[in-house]
């Protein structure tokens, strides 16, 4: 009875639906490309994490089909028991080499990586130290751990040092941080974090879900971008973004990977990724190595979009990546913009409270290497037209007075 009462009391989605602004679970009827089909209409996609545009690449499709023919549709078990295939081992070897670590370990999702790694490494008397804008899976992994969890202000190195200075020197201190912050698009200050980690004998875990395929040489990630791969203890990545599949991995030294193989519960008690997923990631890695021009196009598109957004007077925060937050700073107008943009043929993602304060609500505008300049210009002109009509710029002027 109490459960039913709680479920009935949760009426926030219904209220947003009644207003006609509900922006979630929008059904796409086509491939995840720069243009998708929704309700039979062509929609410009600027809400995807497929940064390199590989989800429709023929080589990935062919590799997936070939893996199904050889291995079947699934593994019917966990990596720990019957679910490890030779293709998983090949993938782990190539991932480790790609990000510059000794070994890697593949999990069923990126979320599962963070749950398993962060929960299992620090013990009851150790510390997990997180940025207050870290992704939810870092937070949830921290909650599952018996370690003490401490936060520092976003990208504030004085705040991080203050936290580190309070930790007992003879305990494990794991700094867990996003390489690229998924909503704001800015980068972790890894060189400075490395310096503080050395000073206080801490270790670093970088969640590079949005950095892999975007930052560094050939998309090798944020640590490569800052030339501090050797100083980062663990690098995790997902397959669901630039690598155009599903799954995740962590890369580190041999001893750490060995420990995780036998202690990360989200690995041991979860089914392994399907053969088709592993094969498509291997194909994606080949393309990333062989087609550096794809990454160059992504950054060309990013520069082009930023120039237009700046021209129209949008506040894009502190982004340094193809993730561009367009600040609206009002939940209602963010929902309305999202709705009207979809009606006008543009898909973007709204980010509103409680994910961020209402005063920081935004449109998350994300780019792919395969977008054309014409598509980018059309989408931004439409965003500007609607935002101007809704008074977004006037609100921001008043707020800055």
Protein backbone atom coordinates (compact mmCIF):
# COMPACT_ATOMS: atom_id res chain seq x y z
CA UNK A 1 0.00 0.00 0.00
CA UNK A 2 2.81 2.42 0.89
CA UNK A 3 4.65 1.55 -2.31
CA UNK A 4 1.56 2.24 -4.40
CA UNK A 5 1.03 5.54 -2.58
CA UNK A 6 4.58 6.62 -3.34
CA UNK A 7 4.26 5.66 -7.01
CA UNK A 8 0.98 7.57 -7.39
CA UNK A 9 2.45 10.64 -5.71
CA UNK A 10 5.20 10.88 -8.34
CA UNK A 11 3.44 13.17 -10.79
CA UNK A 12 6.20 15.40 -12.18
CA UNK A 13 6.40 13.69 -15.63
CA UNK A 14 2.59 13.78 -15.90
CA UNK A 15 2.55 17.51 -15.18
CA UNK A 16 5.18 18.18 -17.85
CA UNK A 17 3.28 15.95 -20.30
CA UNK A 18 0.06 17.88 -19.58
CA UNK A 19 1.89 21.09 -20.48
CA UNK A 20 2.94 19.51 -23.78
CA UNK A 21 6.65 19.85 -22.99
CA UNK A 22 7.71 16.28 -22.11
CA UNK A 23 11.05 15.80 -23.95
CA UNK A 24 12.11 12.27 -23.00
CA UNK A 25 11.86 8.82 -24.60
CA UNK A 26 11.32 10.33 -28.05
CA UNK A 27 11.12 7.36 -30.40
CA UNK A 28 13.56 7.41 -33.33
CA UNK A 29 12.58 5.31 -36.34
CA UNK A 30 15.92 5.23 -38.17
CA UNK A 31 19.67 4.95 -37.83
CA UNK A 32 21.48 7.31 -35.44
CA UNK A 33 22.74 9.69 -38.12
CA UNK A 34 22.89 13.47 -38.58
CA UNK A 35 19.29 13.22 -39.78
CA UNK A 36 16.85 10.84 -38.07
CA UNK A 37 13.21 9.93 -38.54
CA UNK A 38 10.72 10.85 -35.80
CA UNK A 39 7.00 10.39 -36.50
CA UNK A 40 7.93 9.94 -40.15
CA UNK A 41 9.61 13.36 -40.33
CA UNK A 42 13.27 14.16 -41.05
CA UNK A 43 14.88 15.71 -37.95
CA UNK A 44 18.38 17.19 -37.65
CA UNK A 45 20.11 15.29 -34.82
CA UNK A 46 22.14 17.44 -32.44
CA UNK A 47 21.55 15.31 -29.36
CA UNK A 48 23.70 12.27 -30.14
CA UNK A 49 26.92 11.05 -28.50
CA UNK A 50 28.10 9.48 -31.76
CA UNK A 51 30.86 12.06 -32.04
CA UNK A 52 32.67 10.39 -34.94
CA UNK A 53 29.46 9.42 -36.75
CA UNK A 54 30.37 5.72 -36.81
CA UNK A 55 27.00 4.17 -35.90
CA UNK A 56 26.10 3.88 -39.59
CA UNK A 57 29.56 3.04 -40.92
CA UNK A 58 29.48 0.01 -43.27
CA UNK A 59 32.60 -1.54 -41.68
CA UNK A 60 30.94 -1.63 -38.24
CA UNK A 61 27.79 -3.17 -39.67
CA UNK A 62 29.76 -5.81 -41.57
CA UNK A 63 31.86 -6.66 -38.50
CA UNK A 64 28.75 -7.03 -36.35
CA UNK A 65 27.06 -9.34 -38.84
CA UNK A 66 30.17 -11.49 -39.22
CA UNK A 67 30.46 -11.85 -35.43
CA UNK A 68 26.84 -12.98 -35.16
CA UNK A 69 27.48 -15.57 -37.87
CA UNK A 70 30.53 -16.90 -36.01
CA UNK A 71 29.54 -16.58 -32.33
CA UNK A 72 25.76 -16.20 -32.29
CA UNK A 73 23.74 -13.41 -30.72
CA UNK A 74 25.03 -13.53 -27.14
CA UNK A 75 27.34 -15.18 -24.61
CA UNK A 76 24.77 -16.50 -22.10
CA UNK A 77 26.94 -15.75 -19.10
CA UNK A 78 29.39 -13.48 -17.33
CA UNK A 79 32.99 -12.82 -18.26
CA UNK A 80 33.99 -14.57 -15.03
CA UNK A 81 32.46 -17.90 -16.03
CA UNK A 82 31.40 -18.89 -19.55
CA UNK A 83 31.06 -15.47 -21.20
CA UNK A 84 34.63 -14.71 -22.28
CA UNK A 85 35.27 -15.11 -26.01
CA UNK A 86 38.56 -14.76 -27.83
CA UNK A 87 37.14 -11.61 -29.44
CA UNK A 88 36.80 -10.05 -25.96
CA UNK A 89 40.46 -10.74 -25.27
CA UNK A 90 41.47 -9.28 -28.63
CA UNK A 91 39.42 -6.18 -27.88
CA UNK A 92 41.01 -5.77 -24.45
CA UNK A 93 44.49 -5.98 -25.95
CA UNK A 94 43.70 -3.36 -28.58
CA UNK A 95 42.02 -1.02 -26.09
CA UNK A 96 44.99 -1.17 -23.72
CA UNK A 97 47.34 -0.39 -26.58
CA UNK A 98 45.11 2.42 -27.84
CA UNK A 99 44.99 4.32 -24.53
CA UNK A 100 48.58 3.48 -23.55
CA UNK A 101 48.13 1.05 -20.66
CA UNK A 102 49.38 -2.50 -19.96
CA UNK A 103 45.99 -4.20 -19.90
CA UNK A 104 42.28 -3.53 -20.16
CA UNK A 105 39.09 -5.18 -18.93
CA UNK A 106 35.76 -5.03 -20.79
CA UNK A 107 32.47 -4.66 -18.89
CA UNK A 108 28.88 -4.80 -20.14
CA UNK A 109 28.40 -1.00 -19.91
CA UNK A 110 30.39 2.06 -18.96
CA UNK A 111 28.14 2.56 -15.93
CA UNK A 112 29.06 -0.94 -14.78
CA UNK A 113 32.76 -0.09 -15.08
CA UNK A 114 32.44 2.76 -12.61
CA UNK A 115 30.27 0.78 -10.23
CA UNK A 116 32.73 -2.11 -10.19
CA UNK A 117 36.03 -0.23 -10.13
CA UNK A 118 35.20 2.58 -7.73
CA UNK A 119 33.31 0.34 -5.32
CA UNK A 120 35.95 -2.39 -5.14
CA UNK A 121 39.33 -0.64 -4.97
CA UNK A 122 39.19 1.69 -1.92
CA UNK A 123 38.45 0.01 1.43
CA UNK A 124 36.56 1.05 4.52
CA UNK A 125 39.25 3.39 5.82
CA UNK A 126 40.26 4.80 2.43
CA UNK A 127 39.04 7.83 0.48
CA UNK A 128 37.23 8.51 -2.78
CA UNK A 129 37.54 12.12 -3.90
CA UNK A 130 35.17 13.38 -6.58
CA UNK A 131 34.47 16.57 -8.52
CA UNK A 132 31.01 17.87 -7.66
CA UNK A 133 30.03 17.73 -11.35
CA UNK A 134 31.18 14.12 -11.87
CA UNK A 135 28.85 11.79 -13.75
CA UNK A 136 26.15 9.89 -11.86
CA UNK A 137 27.95 6.55 -12.31
CA UNK A 138 30.99 7.86 -10.41
CA UNK A 139 28.67 9.02 -7.64
CA UNK A 140 26.86 5.67 -7.55
CA UNK A 141 30.13 3.74 -7.55
CA UNK A 142 31.24 5.86 -4.60
CA UNK A 143 28.01 5.12 -2.75
CA UNK A 144 28.58 1.38 -3.14
CA UNK A 145 32.05 1.64 -1.64
CA UNK A 146 32.76 1.49 2.09
CA UNK A 147 35.29 4.28 1.65
CA UNK A 148 34.84 7.86 2.82
CA UNK A 149 33.57 10.02 -0.05
CA UNK A 150 34.77 13.63 -0.25
CA UNK A 151 33.84 16.25 -2.86
CA UNK A 152 35.69 19.25 -4.21
CA UNK A 153 34.28 22.21 -6.14
CA UNK A 154 34.19 21.74 -9.89
CA UNK A 155 37.66 22.10 -11.41
CA UNK A 156 38.79 24.07 -8.34
CA UNK A 157 42.30 22.90 -7.54
CA UNK A 158 42.49 24.85 -4.27
CA UNK A 159 39.35 23.01 -3.16
CA UNK A 160 40.85 19.66 -4.23
CA UNK A 161 44.07 20.34 -2.32
CA UNK A 162 42.09 21.29 0.78
CA UNK A 163 40.26 17.95 0.60
CA UNK A 164 43.47 15.98 0.01
CA UNK A 165 45.20 17.68 2.92
CA UNK A 166 42.52 16.38 5.28
CA UNK A 167 43.04 12.73 4.30
CA UNK A 168 45.16 10.37 6.37
CA UNK A 169 48.48 10.00 4.54
CA UNK A 170 48.70 6.21 4.90
CA UNK A 171 45.30 5.49 3.29
CA UNK A 172 44.33 5.02 -0.37
CA UNK A 173 43.10 8.29 -1.88
CA UNK A 174 41.36 7.73 -5.22
CA UNK A 175 40.57 10.87 -7.21
CA UNK A 176 37.75 9.91 -9.60
CA UNK A 177 37.05 12.53 -12.26
CA UNK A 178 35.46 12.96 -15.67
CA UNK A 179 37.99 13.69 -18.41
CA UNK A 180 35.32 15.61 -20.34
CA UNK A 181 32.31 16.73 -18.33
CA UNK A 182 29.27 15.40 -20.16
CA UNK A 183 26.93 18.39 -19.80
CA UNK A 184 29.30 21.34 -19.55
CA UNK A 185 31.77 20.14 -22.21
CA UNK A 186 34.81 21.38 -20.27
CA UNK A 187 37.92 19.36 -19.43
CA UNK A 188 39.26 18.18 -16.11
CA UNK A 189 42.46 20.00 -15.16
CA UNK A 190 44.44 16.78 -15.37
CA UNK A 191 47.99 18.21 -15.25
CA UNK A 192 47.16 20.05 -12.02
CA UNK A 193 45.33 17.02 -10.61
CA UNK A 194 48.42 14.93 -11.38
CA UNK A 195 50.64 17.39 -9.50
CA UNK A 196 48.37 17.28 -6.44
CA UNK A 197 48.10 13.49 -6.62
CA UNK A 198 51.89 13.22 -6.51
CA UNK A 199 52.12 15.70 -3.64
CA UNK A 200 49.56 13.82 -1.52
CA UNK A 201 50.31 10.28 -2.77
CA UNK A 202 46.86 9.88 -4.31
CA UNK A 203 45.74 7.84 -7.32
CA UNK A 204 43.72 9.00 -10.33
CA UNK A 205 40.79 7.36 -12.11
CA UNK A 206 39.65 9.17 -15.26
CA UNK A 207 36.18 8.55 -16.68
CA UNK A 208 36.85 9.30 -20.34
CA UNK A 209 33.45 8.34 -21.71
CA UNK A 210 33.20 11.64 -23.62
CA UNK A 211 36.95 12.08 -24.20
CA UNK A 212 37.68 8.84 -26.05
CA UNK A 213 37.40 9.47 -29.78
CA UNK A 214 37.37 13.23 -29.21
CA UNK A 215 40.55 14.28 -27.39
CA UNK A 216 44.19 13.35 -27.99
CA UNK A 217 45.99 11.84 -30.96
CA UNK A 218 43.56 9.77 -33.04
CA UNK A 219 41.04 10.24 -30.21
CA UNK A 220 43.12 8.41 -27.58
CA UNK A 221 41.54 10.49 -24.82
CA UNK A 222 41.98 13.29 -22.34
CA UNK A 223 45.10 11.88 -20.65
CA UNK A 224 46.79 11.64 -24.06
CA UNK A 225 45.67 15.20 -24.84
CA UNK A 226 47.47 16.45 -21.72
CA UNK A 227 50.42 14.04 -22.17
CA UNK A 228 49.89 12.53 -18.73
CA UNK A 229 48.80 8.96 -19.53
CA UNK A 230 51.58 7.47 -17.39
CA UNK A 231 50.49 9.59 -14.41
CA UNK A 232 46.85 8.46 -14.54
CA UNK A 233 46.36 5.11 -12.80
CA UNK A 234 43.13 4.04 -14.48
CA UNK A 235 41.37 5.17 -17.65
CA UNK A 236 37.82 4.08 -18.36
CA UNK A 237 35.82 4.51 -21.54
CA UNK A 238 32.48 3.58 -23.01
CA UNK A 239 31.60 2.01 -26.35
CA UNK A 240 28.25 3.80 -26.65
CA UNK A 241 29.63 7.13 -27.84
CA UNK A 242 32.52 7.53 -30.30
CA UNK A 243 32.94 3.74 -30.53
CA UNK A 244 29.32 3.34 -31.69
CA UNK A 245 28.35 0.20 -29.79
CA UNK A 246 27.51 -0.75 -26.18
CA UNK A 247 29.83 -1.69 -23.33
CA UNK A 248 32.73 -0.21 -21.42
CA UNK A 249 36.28 -0.85 -20.26
CA UNK A 250 38.94 0.15 -17.79
CA UNK A 251 42.65 0.19 -18.64
CA UNK A 252 45.47 0.11 -16.11
CA UNK A 253 48.54 -1.88 -15.05
CA UNK A 254 48.46 -5.69 -14.94
CA UNK A 255 48.09 -5.97 -11.17
CA UNK A 256 45.12 -3.61 -11.03
CA UNK A 257 43.34 -5.39 -13.87
CA UNK A 258 43.99 -8.74 -12.19
CA UNK A 259 42.46 -7.42 -8.96
CA UNK A 260 39.39 -6.09 -10.76
CA UNK A 261 38.85 -9.36 -12.62
CA UNK A 262 38.33 -11.08 -9.29
CA UNK A 263 36.72 -8.32 -7.22
CA UNK A 264 34.58 -6.05 -9.38
CA UNK A 265 31.08 -7.33 -8.70
CA UNK A 266 29.52 -5.56 -11.69
CA UNK A 267 31.86 -7.60 -13.92
CA UNK A 268 31.55 -10.92 -12.13
CA UNK A 269 27.77 -10.86 -11.85
CA UNK A 270 26.82 -9.28 -15.19
CA UNK A 271 26.56 -10.92 -18.60
CA UNK A 272 29.32 -10.03 -21.06
CA UNK A 273 28.78 -7.84 -24.10
CA UNK A 274 27.46 -9.56 -27.23
CA UNK A 275 29.95 -10.67 -29.89
CA UNK A 276 28.51 -8.17 -32.37
CA UNK A 277 29.24 -5.33 -29.94
CA UNK A 278 32.85 -6.40 -29.46
CA UNK A 279 33.38 -6.75 -33.19
CA UNK A 280 31.94 -3.32 -33.97
CA UNK A 281 34.25 -1.69 -31.40
CA UNK A 282 37.27 -3.38 -32.98
CA UNK A 283 36.14 -2.01 -36.34
CA UNK A 284 35.67 1.46 -34.83
CA UNK A 285 39.22 1.42 -33.41
CA UNK A 286 40.56 0.53 -36.86
CA UNK A 287 38.72 3.48 -38.40
CA UNK A 288 39.95 5.87 -35.70
CA UNK A 289 43.54 4.84 -36.41
CA UNK A 290 43.16 4.85 -40.20
CA UNK A 291 41.01 7.97 -40.68
CA UNK A 292 42.42 10.86 -38.62
CA UNK A 293 40.56 13.23 -40.94
CA UNK A 294 37.32 12.13 -39.26
CA UNK A 295 38.47 13.64 -35.95
CA UNK A 296 39.65 16.75 -37.79
CA UNK A 297 36.16 17.19 -39.25
CA UNK A 298 34.64 16.92 -35.78
CA UNK A 299 36.82 19.77 -34.54
CA UNK A 300 36.20 21.83 -37.67
CA UNK A 301 32.47 21.46 -37.02
CA UNK A 302 32.99 22.44 -33.39
CA UNK A 303 34.84 25.62 -34.31
CA UNK A 304 32.20 26.49 -36.92
CA UNK A 305 29.33 25.99 -34.47
CA UNK A 306 31.03 27.99 -31.72
CA UNK A 307 31.66 30.89 -34.10
CA UNK A 308 27.97 30.97 -35.03
CA UNK A 309 26.75 30.64 -31.45
CA UNK A 310 29.05 33.46 -30.35
CA UNK A 311 27.85 35.58 -33.27
CA UNK A 312 24.24 35.18 -32.11
CA UNK A 313 25.16 36.02 -28.53
CA UNK A 314 24.58 32.65 -26.86
CA UNK A 315 26.22 31.84 -23.53
CA UNK A 316 28.08 28.55 -24.04
CA UNK A 317 29.72 28.30 -20.64
CA UNK A 318 33.28 26.96 -20.43
CA UNK A 319 33.09 24.23 -23.07
CA UNK A 320 36.28 23.10 -24.79
CA UNK A 321 34.79 20.19 -26.74
CA UNK A 322 32.08 19.21 -29.26
CA UNK A 323 29.64 19.17 -26.32
CA UNK A 324 28.24 22.71 -26.31
CA UNK A 325 25.95 23.85 -23.48
CA UNK A 326 23.60 26.58 -24.72
CA UNK A 327 22.61 28.30 -21.48
CA UNK A 328 18.90 29.11 -21.15
CA UNK A 329 18.77 29.45 -17.35
CA UNK A 330 15.05 28.75 -17.09
CA UNK A 331 13.49 25.26 -16.91
CA UNK A 332 10.21 26.27 -18.54
CA UNK A 333 11.88 28.01 -21.48
CA UNK A 334 14.34 25.13 -21.89
CA UNK A 335 11.42 22.69 -22.21
CA UNK A 336 9.58 25.03 -24.58
CA UNK A 337 12.64 25.53 -26.75
CA UNK A 338 13.20 21.78 -26.98
CA UNK A 339 9.57 21.20 -27.99
CA UNK A 340 9.45 23.96 -30.60
CA UNK A 341 12.81 22.96 -32.05
CA UNK A 342 11.62 19.40 -32.56
CA UNK A 343 8.53 20.72 -34.30
CA UNK A 344 10.86 22.80 -36.47
CA UNK A 345 13.06 19.78 -37.30
CA UNK A 346 15.91 19.99 -34.75
CA UNK A 347 16.62 17.47 -31.97
CA UNK A 348 18.50 18.73 -28.91
CA UNK A 349 18.57 17.54 -25.30
CA UNK A 350 17.25 19.68 -22.43
CA UNK A 351 19.14 19.69 -19.13
CA UNK A 352 16.99 21.04 -16.30
CA UNK A 353 16.64 20.82 -12.52
CA UNK A 354 17.29 18.73 -10.51
CA UNK A 355 20.17 17.67 -12.82
CA UNK A 356 21.33 21.29 -12.65
CA UNK A 357 19.89 24.30 -10.77
CA UNK A 358 17.03 25.93 -12.70
CA UNK A 359 19.26 29.00 -13.07
CA UNK A 360 21.74 26.80 -14.99
CA UNK A 361 19.30 24.93 -17.27
CA UNK A 362 20.58 24.47 -20.80
CA UNK A 363 20.28 22.85 -24.19
CA UNK A 364 22.96 20.23 -24.71
CA UNK A 365 24.03 20.70 -28.33
CA UNK A 366 26.45 18.00 -29.48
CA UNK A 367 28.26 17.61 -32.77
CA UNK A 368 29.27 14.74 -35.01
CA UNK A 369 32.11 14.56 -37.52
CA UNK A 370 29.50 13.80 -40.17
CA UNK A 371 27.44 16.98 -39.71
CA UNK A 372 27.67 19.44 -42.59
CA UNK A 373 28.17 23.16 -42.08
CA UNK A 374 24.76 23.72 -43.68
CA UNK A 375 23.12 21.45 -41.09
CA UNK A 376 24.89 23.24 -38.25
CA UNK A 377 23.97 26.67 -39.57
CA UNK A 378 20.32 25.69 -40.06
CA UNK A 379 20.03 24.29 -36.54
CA UNK A 380 21.66 27.29 -34.84
CA UNK A 381 19.57 29.78 -36.81
CA UNK A 382 16.44 27.96 -35.67
CA UNK A 383 17.64 27.88 -32.05
CA UNK A 384 18.33 31.63 -32.23
CA UNK A 385 14.95 32.44 -33.78
CA UNK A 386 12.98 30.59 -31.10
CA UNK A 387 15.22 31.70 -28.21
CA UNK A 388 14.82 35.32 -29.25
CA UNK A 389 11.04 35.02 -29.43
CA UNK A 390 10.96 33.42 -25.97
CA UNK A 391 12.98 36.27 -24.46
CA UNK A 392 16.05 34.22 -23.56
CA UNK A 393 18.50 37.00 -24.44
CA UNK A 394 16.47 39.65 -22.61
CA UNK A 395 16.44 37.47 -19.48
CA UNK A 396 20.21 37.08 -19.63
CA UNK A 397 20.73 40.82 -20.03
CA UNK A 398 18.59 41.46 -16.94
CA UNK A 399 20.51 38.82 -14.99
CA UNK A 400 23.81 40.50 -15.88
CA UNK A 401 22.71 44.01 -14.88
